[in-house]
């Protein structure tokens, strides 16, 4: 079986099982909007003052608007 790059970002692809929920939580900001805001606030409390949001795939502008409205507006001072 070979890797299907067309399915790279698909949550339904067979390779998606290779990343457990625990691994995703350890390496990324994931979860509900509220969970993501809490995690970002916790990181800010350590002195971190910049974040990178790599948005791959389709509908990046819409996803960025959603992140700003549902997550970042909760943590911006």
PDB file of N, CA and C in Angstrom:
ATOM      1  N   UNK A   1       0.848  -1.178   0.000  1.00  0.00           N
ATOM      2  CA  UNK A   1       0.000   0.000   0.000  1.00  0.00           C
ATOM      3  C   UNK A   1       0.892   1.240   0.000  1.00  0.00           C
ATOM      4  N   UNK A   2       0.578   2.185  -0.852  1.00  0.00           N
ATOM      5  CA  UNK A   2       1.377   3.407  -0.915  1.00  0.00           C
ATOM      6  C   UNK A   2       0.592   4.576  -0.323  1.00  0.00           C
ATOM      7  N   UNK A   3       1.332   5.596   0.057  1.00  0.00           N
ATOM      8  CA  UNK A   3       0.736   6.788   0.644  1.00  0.00           C
ATOM      9  C   UNK A   3       0.038   7.595  -0.438  1.00  0.00           C
ATOM     10  N   UNK A   4      -1.182   7.982  -0.192  1.00  0.00           N
ATOM     11  CA  UNK A   4      -1.957   8.763  -1.153  1.00  0.00           C
ATOM     12  C   UNK A   4      -1.909  10.233  -0.744  1.00  0.00           C
ATOM     13  N   UNK A   5      -1.072  11.018  -1.406  1.00  0.00           N
ATOM     14  CA  UNK A   5      -0.908  12.428  -1.058  1.00  0.00           C
ATOM     15  C   UNK A   5      -2.203  13.220  -1.213  1.00  0.00           C
ATOM     16  N   UNK A   6      -3.102  12.766  -2.053  1.00  0.00           N
ATOM     17  CA  UNK A   6      -4.385  13.452  -2.214  1.00  0.00           C
ATOM     18  C   UNK A   6      -5.219  13.364  -0.938  1.00  0.00           C
ATOM     19  N   UNK A   7      -4.907  12.395  -0.091  1.00  0.00           N
ATOM     20  CA  UNK A   7      -5.631  12.197   1.168  1.00  0.00           C
ATOM     21  C   UNK A   7      -4.869  12.756   2.364  1.00  0.00           C
ATOM     22  N   UNK A   8      -3.824  13.537   2.132  1.00  0.00           N
ATOM     23  CA  UNK A   8      -2.921  13.978   3.197  1.00  0.00           C
ATOM     24  C   UNK A   8      -3.646  14.613   4.383  1.00  0.00           C
ATOM     25  N   UNK A   9      -4.591  15.488   4.151  1.00  0.00           N
ATOM     26  CA  UNK A   9      -5.273  16.190   5.236  1.00  0.00           C
ATOM     27  C   UNK A   9      -6.612  15.570   5.622  1.00  0.00           C
ATOM     28  N   UNK A  10      -6.946  14.454   5.036  1.00  0.00           N
ATOM     29  CA  UNK A  10      -8.237  13.836   5.302  1.00  0.00           C
ATOM     30  C   UNK A  10      -8.247  13.102   6.643  1.00  0.00           C
ATOM     31  N   UNK A  11      -9.271  13.351   7.435  1.00  0.00           N
ATOM     32  CA  UNK A  11      -9.418  12.620   8.701  1.00  0.00           C
ATOM     33  C   UNK A  11      -9.976  11.221   8.465  1.00  0.00           C
ATOM     34  N   UNK A  12     -10.437  10.958   7.249  1.00  0.00           N
ATOM     35  CA  UNK A  12     -10.981   9.636   6.926  1.00  0.00           C
ATOM     36  C   UNK A  12      -9.961   8.718   6.253  1.00  0.00           C
ATOM     37  N   UNK A  13      -8.786   9.233   5.960  1.00  0.00           N
ATOM     38  CA  UNK A  13      -7.759   8.435   5.282  1.00  0.00           C
ATOM     39  C   UNK A  13      -7.222   7.362   6.219  1.00  0.00           C
ATOM     40  N   UNK A  14      -6.747   6.272   5.655  1.00  0.00           N
ATOM     41  CA  UNK A  14      -6.240   5.166   6.476  1.00  0.00           C
ATOM     42  C   UNK A  14      -5.044   5.582   7.321  1.00  0.00           C
ATOM     43  N   UNK A  15      -4.242   6.523   6.846  1.00  0.00           N
ATOM     44  CA  UNK A  15      -3.062   6.937   7.603  1.00  0.00           C
ATOM     45  C   UNK A  15      -3.408   7.813   8.813  1.00  0.00           C
ATOM     46  N   UNK A  16      -4.641   8.288   8.915  1.00  0.00           N
ATOM     47  CA  UNK A  16      -4.989   9.169  10.036  1.00  0.00           C
ATOM     48  C   UNK A  16      -4.889   8.447  11.378  1.00  0.00           C
ATOM     49  N   UNK A  17      -4.993   7.135  11.380  1.00  0.00           N
ATOM     50  CA  UNK A  17      -4.872   6.366  12.623  1.00  0.00           C
ATOM     51  C   UNK A  17      -3.446   6.367  13.160  1.00  0.00           C
ATOM     52  N   UNK A  18      -2.483   6.770  12.348  1.00  0.00           N
ATOM     53  CA  UNK A  18      -1.081   6.778  12.779  1.00  0.00           C
ATOM     54  C   UNK A  18      -0.806   7.870  13.810  1.00  0.00           C
ATOM     55  N   UNK A  19      -1.672   8.870  13.884  1.00  0.00           N
ATOM     56  CA  UNK A  19      -1.506   9.955  14.859  1.00  0.00           C
ATOM     57  C   UNK A  19      -2.613   9.835  15.896  1.00  0.00           C
ATOM     58  N   UNK A  20      -2.217   9.442  17.095  1.00  0.00           N
ATOM     59  CA  UNK A  20      -3.207   9.290  18.161  1.00  0.00           C
ATOM     60  C   UNK A  20      -3.662  10.657  18.660  1.00  0.00           C
ATOM     61  N   UNK A  21      -4.783  10.680  19.349  1.00  0.00           N
ATOM     62  CA  UNK A  21      -5.264  11.933  19.930  1.00  0.00           C
ATOM     63  C   UNK A  21      -4.245  12.496  20.913  1.00  0.00           C
ATOM     64  N   UNK A  22      -3.604  11.623  21.693  1.00  0.00           N
ATOM     65  CA  UNK A  22      -2.598  12.078  22.660  1.00  0.00           C
ATOM     66  C   UNK A  22      -1.409  12.723  21.957  1.00  0.00           C
ATOM     67  N   UNK A  23      -0.962  12.127  20.861  1.00  0.00           N
ATOM     68  CA  UNK A  23       0.159  12.696  20.117  1.00  0.00           C
ATOM     69  C   UNK A  23      -0.226  14.052  19.525  1.00  0.00           C
ATOM     70  N   UNK A  24      -1.416  14.133  18.969  1.00  0.00           N
ATOM     71  CA  UNK A  24      -1.876  15.404  18.406  1.00  0.00           C
ATOM     72  C   UNK A  24      -1.921  16.481  19.486  1.00  0.00           C
ATOM     73  N   UNK A  25      -2.431  16.138  20.679  1.00  0.00           N
ATOM     74  CA  UNK A  25      -2.493  17.117  21.775  1.00  0.00           C
ATOM     75  C   UNK A  25      -1.104  17.539  22.238  1.00  0.00           C
ATOM     76  N   UNK A  26      -0.140  16.626  22.177  1.00  0.00           N
ATOM     77  CA  UNK A  26       1.223  16.945  22.616  1.00  0.00           C
ATOM     78  C   UNK A  26       1.949  17.857  21.627  1.00  0.00           C
ATOM     79  N   UNK A  27       1.617  17.755  20.352  1.00  0.00           N
ATOM     80  CA  UNK A  27       2.369  18.467  19.317  1.00  0.00           C
ATOM     81  C   UNK A  27       1.643  19.650  18.693  1.00  0.00           C
ATOM     82  N   UNK A  28       0.366  19.801  19.015  1.00  0.00           N
ATOM     83  CA  UNK A  28      -0.411  20.847  18.346  1.00  0.00           C
ATOM     84  C   UNK A  28      -1.464  21.411  19.295  1.00  0.00           C
ATOM     85  N   UNK A  29      -2.067  22.485  18.893  1.00  0.00           N
ATOM     86  CA  UNK A  29      -3.207  23.044  19.616  1.00  0.00           C
ATOM     87  C   UNK A  29      -4.441  22.453  18.943  1.00  0.00           C
ATOM     88  N   UNK A  30      -5.118  21.556  19.633  1.00  0.00           N
ATOM     89  CA  UNK A  30      -6.281  20.873  19.059  1.00  0.00           C
ATOM     90  C   UNK A  30      -7.406  20.838  20.082  1.00  0.00           C
ATOM     91  N   UNK A  31      -8.620  20.694  19.607  1.00  0.00           N
ATOM     92  CA  UNK A  31      -9.771  20.581  20.494  1.00  0.00           C
ATOM     93  C   UNK A  31     -10.843  21.579  20.122  1.00  0.00           C
ATOM     94  N   UNK A  32     -11.754  21.786  21.059  1.00  0.00           N
ATOM     95  CA  UNK A  32     -12.800  22.774  20.846  1.00  0.00           C
ATOM     96  C   UNK A  32     -12.184  24.170  20.886  1.00  0.00           C
ATOM     97  N   UNK A  33     -12.951  25.149  20.499  1.00  0.00           N
ATOM     98  CA  UNK A  33     -12.464  26.532  20.554  1.00  0.00           C
ATOM     99  C   UNK A  33     -12.041  26.897  21.968  1.00  0.00           C
ATOM    100  N   UNK A  34     -12.841  26.497  22.948  1.00  0.00           N
ATOM    101  CA  UNK A  34     -12.528  26.802  24.341  1.00  0.00           C
ATOM    102  C   UNK A  34     -11.252  26.096  24.787  1.00  0.00           C
ATOM    103  N   UNK A  35     -11.094  24.828  24.413  1.00  0.00           N
ATOM    104  CA  UNK A  35      -9.883  24.078  24.778  1.00  0.00           C
ATOM    105  C   UNK A  35      -8.643  24.703  24.144  1.00  0.00           C
ATOM    106  N   UNK A  36      -8.767  25.137  22.905  1.00  0.00           N
ATOM    107  CA  UNK A  36      -7.629  25.772  22.228  1.00  0.00           C
ATOM    108  C   UNK A  36      -7.275  27.095  22.897  1.00  0.00           C
ATOM    109  N   UNK A  37      -8.284  27.873  23.276  1.00  0.00           N
ATOM    110  CA  UNK A  37      -8.028  29.150  23.947  1.00  0.00           C
ATOM    111  C   UNK A  37      -7.325  28.926  25.281  1.00  0.00           C
ATOM    112  N   UNK A  38      -7.753  27.929  26.037  1.00  0.00           N
ATOM    113  CA  UNK A  38      -7.109  27.616  27.320  1.00  0.00           C
ATOM    114  C   UNK A  38      -5.654  27.237  27.093  1.00  0.00           C
ATOM    115  N   UNK A  39      -5.400  26.388  26.111  1.00  0.00           N
ATOM    116  CA  UNK A  39      -4.022  25.958  25.833  1.00  0.00           C
ATOM    117  C   UNK A  39      -3.148  27.136  25.415  1.00  0.00           C
ATOM    118  N   UNK A  40      -3.677  28.017  24.589  1.00  0.00           N
ATOM    119  CA  UNK A  40      -2.916  29.191  24.168  1.00  0.00           C
ATOM    120  C   UNK A  40      -2.664  30.136  25.344  1.00  0.00           C
ATOM    121  N   UNK A  41      -3.665  30.311  26.221  1.00  0.00           N
ATOM    122  CA  UNK A  41      -3.471  31.145  27.415  1.00  0.00           C
ATOM    123  C   UNK A  41      -2.389  30.562  28.309  1.00  0.00           C
ATOM    124  N   UNK A  42      -2.405  29.239  28.470  1.00  0.00           N
ATOM    125  CA  UNK A  42      -1.373  28.575  29.277  1.00  0.00           C
ATOM    126  C   UNK A  42       0.014  28.818  28.687  1.00  0.00           C
ATOM    127  N   UNK A  43       0.123  28.754  27.375  1.00  0.00           N
ATOM    128  CA  UNK A  43       1.406  29.012  26.723  1.00  0.00           C
ATOM    129  C   UNK A  43       1.818  30.473  26.878  1.00  0.00           C
ATOM    130  N   UNK A  44       0.862  31.383  26.790  1.00  0.00           N
ATOM    131  CA  UNK A  44       1.168  32.802  27.009  1.00  0.00           C
ATOM    132  C   UNK A  44       1.703  33.025  28.422  1.00  0.00           C
ATOM    133  N   UNK A  45       1.152  32.309  29.390  1.00  0.00           N
ATOM    134  CA  UNK A  45       1.568  32.463  30.786  1.00  0.00           C
ATOM    135  C   UNK A  45       3.027  32.067  30.996  1.00  0.00           C
ATOM    136  N   UNK A  46       3.576  31.265  30.095  1.00  0.00           N
ATOM    137  CA  UNK A  46       4.985  30.871  30.202  1.00  0.00           C
ATOM    138  C   UNK A  46       5.908  31.922  29.592  1.00  0.00           C
ATOM    139  N   UNK A  47       5.326  32.950  28.987  1.00  0.00           N
ATOM    140  CA  UNK A  47       6.129  33.995  28.358  1.00  0.00           C
ATOM    141  C   UNK A  47       6.112  33.949  26.844  1.00  0.00           C
ATOM    142  N   UNK A  48       5.506  32.930  26.282  1.00  0.00           N
ATOM    143  CA  UNK A  48       5.418  32.834  24.822  1.00  0.00           C
ATOM    144  C   UNK A  48       4.518  33.954  24.311  1.00  0.00           C
ATOM    145  N   UNK A  49       4.991  34.690  23.329  1.00  0.00           N
ATOM    146  CA  UNK A  49       4.201  35.824  22.858  1.00  0.00           C
ATOM    147  C   UNK A  49       3.933  35.815  21.356  1.00  0.00           C
ATOM    148  N   UNK A  50       4.225  34.717  20.699  1.00  0.00           N
ATOM    149  CA  UNK A  50       3.940  34.605  19.266  1.00  0.00           C
ATOM    150  C   UNK A  50       3.548  33.169  18.945  1.00  0.00           C
ATOM    151  N   UNK A  51       2.601  33.026  18.057  1.00  0.00           N
ATOM    152  CA  UNK A  51       2.134  31.710  17.630  1.00  0.00           C
ATOM    153  C   UNK A  51       2.123  31.660  16.108  1.00  0.00           C
ATOM    154  N   UNK A  52       2.305  30.483  15.568  1.00  0.00           N
ATOM    155  CA  UNK A  52       2.233  30.268  14.125  1.00  0.00           C
ATOM    156  C   UNK A  52       1.055  29.345  13.862  1.00  0.00           C
ATOM    157  N   UNK A  53       0.229  29.706  12.915  1.00  0.00           N
ATOM    158  CA  UNK A  53      -0.934  28.907  12.560  1.00  0.00           C
ATOM    159  C   UNK A  53      -0.808  28.459  11.110  1.00  0.00           C
ATOM    160  N   UNK A  54      -0.143  27.327  10.864  1.00  0.00           N
ATOM    161  CA  UNK A  54      -0.029  26.851   9.481  1.00  0.00           C
ATOM    162  C   UNK A  54      -1.368  26.262   9.024  1.00  0.00           C
ATOM    163  N   UNK A  55      -1.954  26.859   8.039  1.00  0.00           N
ATOM    164  CA  UNK A  55      -3.247  26.408   7.536  1.00  0.00           C
ATOM    165  C   UNK A  55      -3.054  25.820   6.149  1.00  0.00           C
ATOM    166  N   UNK A  56      -3.039  24.522   6.071  1.00  0.00           N
ATOM    167  CA  UNK A  56      -2.879  23.841   4.788  1.00  0.00           C
ATOM    168  C   UNK A  56      -4.253  23.444   4.255  1.00  0.00           C
ATOM    169  N   UNK A  57      -4.290  23.133   3.001  1.00  0.00           N
ATOM    170  CA  UNK A  57      -5.533  22.650   2.414  1.00  0.00           C
ATOM    171  C   UNK A  57      -6.432  23.779   1.933  1.00  0.00           C
ATOM    172  N   UNK A  58      -7.679  23.440   1.759  1.00  0.00           N
ATOM    173  CA  UNK A  58      -8.656  24.377   1.197  1.00  0.00           C
ATOM    174  C   UNK A  58      -9.266  25.272   2.267  1.00  0.00           C
ATOM    175  N   UNK A  59      -9.887  26.324   1.820  1.00  0.00           N
ATOM    176  CA  UNK A  59     -10.683  27.216   2.669  1.00  0.00           C
ATOM    177  C   UNK A  59      -9.871  27.847   3.798  1.00  0.00           C
ATOM    178  N   UNK A  60      -8.615  28.174   3.514  1.00  0.00           N
ATOM    179  CA  UNK A  60      -7.743  28.743   4.548  1.00  0.00           C
ATOM    180  C   UNK A  60      -8.283  30.064   5.096  1.00  0.00           C
ATOM    181  N   UNK A  61      -8.756  30.927   4.225  1.00  0.00           N
ATOM    182  CA  UNK A  61      -9.246  32.232   4.689  1.00  0.00           C
ATOM    183  C   UNK A  61     -10.425  32.058   5.642  1.00  0.00           C
ATOM    184  N   UNK A  62     -11.324  31.174   5.310  1.00  0.00           N
ATOM    185  CA  UNK A  62     -12.483  30.932   6.178  1.00  0.00           C
ATOM    186  C   UNK A  62     -12.051  30.318   7.511  1.00  0.00           C
ATOM    187  N   UNK A  63     -11.115  29.381   7.471  1.00  0.00           N
ATOM    188  CA  UNK A  63     -10.634  28.775   8.720  1.00  0.00           C
ATOM    189  C   UNK A  63      -9.912  29.800   9.578  1.00  0.00           C
ATOM    190  N   UNK A  64      -9.149  30.709   8.949  1.00  0.00           N
ATOM    191  CA  UNK A  64      -8.462  31.761   9.705  1.00  0.00           C
ATOM    192  C   UNK A  64      -9.475  32.686  10.381  1.00  0.00           C
ATOM    193  N   UNK A  65     -10.542  33.063   9.651  1.00  0.00           N
ATOM    194  CA  UNK A  65     -11.588  33.903  10.253  1.00  0.00           C
ATOM    195  C   UNK A  65     -12.213  33.206  11.459  1.00  0.00           C
ATOM    196  N   UNK A  66     -12.432  31.907  11.328  1.00  0.00           N
ATOM    197  CA  UNK A  66     -13.039  31.145  12.426  1.00  0.00           C
ATOM    198  C   UNK A  66     -12.094  31.074  13.629  1.00  0.00           C
ATOM    199  N   UNK A  67     -10.819  30.848  13.402  1.00  0.00           N
ATOM    200  CA  UNK A  67      -9.832  30.813  14.492  1.00  0.00           C
ATOM    201  C   UNK A  67      -9.805  32.163  15.201  1.00  0.00           C
ATOM    202  N   UNK A  68      -9.778  33.238  14.434  1.00  0.00           N
ATOM    203  CA  UNK A  68      -9.755  34.581  15.052  1.00  0.00           C
ATOM    204  C   UNK A  68     -11.008  34.817  15.875  1.00  0.00           C
ATOM    205  N   UNK A  69     -12.170  34.512  15.311  1.00  0.00           N
ATOM    206  CA  UNK A  69     -13.433  34.804  15.992  1.00  0.00           C
ATOM    207  C   UNK A  69     -13.669  33.907  17.202  1.00  0.00           C
ATOM    208  N   UNK A  70     -13.323  32.639  17.089  1.00  0.00           N
ATOM    209  CA  UNK A  70     -13.684  31.688  18.138  1.00  0.00           C
ATOM    210  C   UNK A  70     -12.579  31.411  19.148  1.00  0.00           C
ATOM    211  N   UNK A  71     -11.328  31.700  18.788  1.00  0.00           N
ATOM    212  CA  UNK A  71     -10.217  31.378  19.692  1.00  0.00           C
ATOM    213  C   UNK A  71      -9.421  32.628  20.056  1.00  0.00           C
ATOM    214  N   UNK A  72      -8.866  33.289  19.074  1.00  0.00           N
ATOM    215  CA  UNK A  72      -7.952  34.395  19.356  1.00  0.00           C
ATOM    216  C   UNK A  72      -8.633  35.567  20.048  1.00  0.00           C
ATOM    217  N   UNK A  73      -9.880  35.843  19.707  1.00  0.00           N
ATOM    218  CA  UNK A  73     -10.576  36.940  20.375  1.00  0.00           C
ATOM    219  C   UNK A  73     -10.734  36.677  21.872  1.00  0.00           C
ATOM    220  N   UNK A  74     -10.669  35.408  22.287  1.00  0.00           N
ATOM    221  CA  UNK A  74     -10.763  35.067  23.710  1.00  0.00           C
ATOM    222  C   UNK A  74      -9.460  35.328  24.453  1.00  0.00           C
ATOM    223  N   UNK A  75      -8.339  35.338  23.746  1.00  0.00           N
ATOM    224  CA  UNK A  75      -7.054  35.433  24.448  1.00  0.00           C
ATOM    225  C   UNK A  75      -6.317  36.740  24.203  1.00  0.00           C
ATOM    226  N   UNK A  76      -6.757  37.516  23.232  1.00  0.00           N
ATOM    227  CA  UNK A  76      -6.051  38.760  22.925  1.00  0.00           C
ATOM    228  C   UNK A  76      -6.367  39.805  23.985  1.00  0.00           C
ATOM    229  N   UNK A  77      -5.333  40.475  24.431  1.00  0.00           N
ATOM    230  CA  UNK A  77      -5.487  41.478  25.487  1.00  0.00           C
ATOM    231  C   UNK A  77      -5.377  42.871  24.924  1.00  0.00           C
TER     232      UNK A  77
END
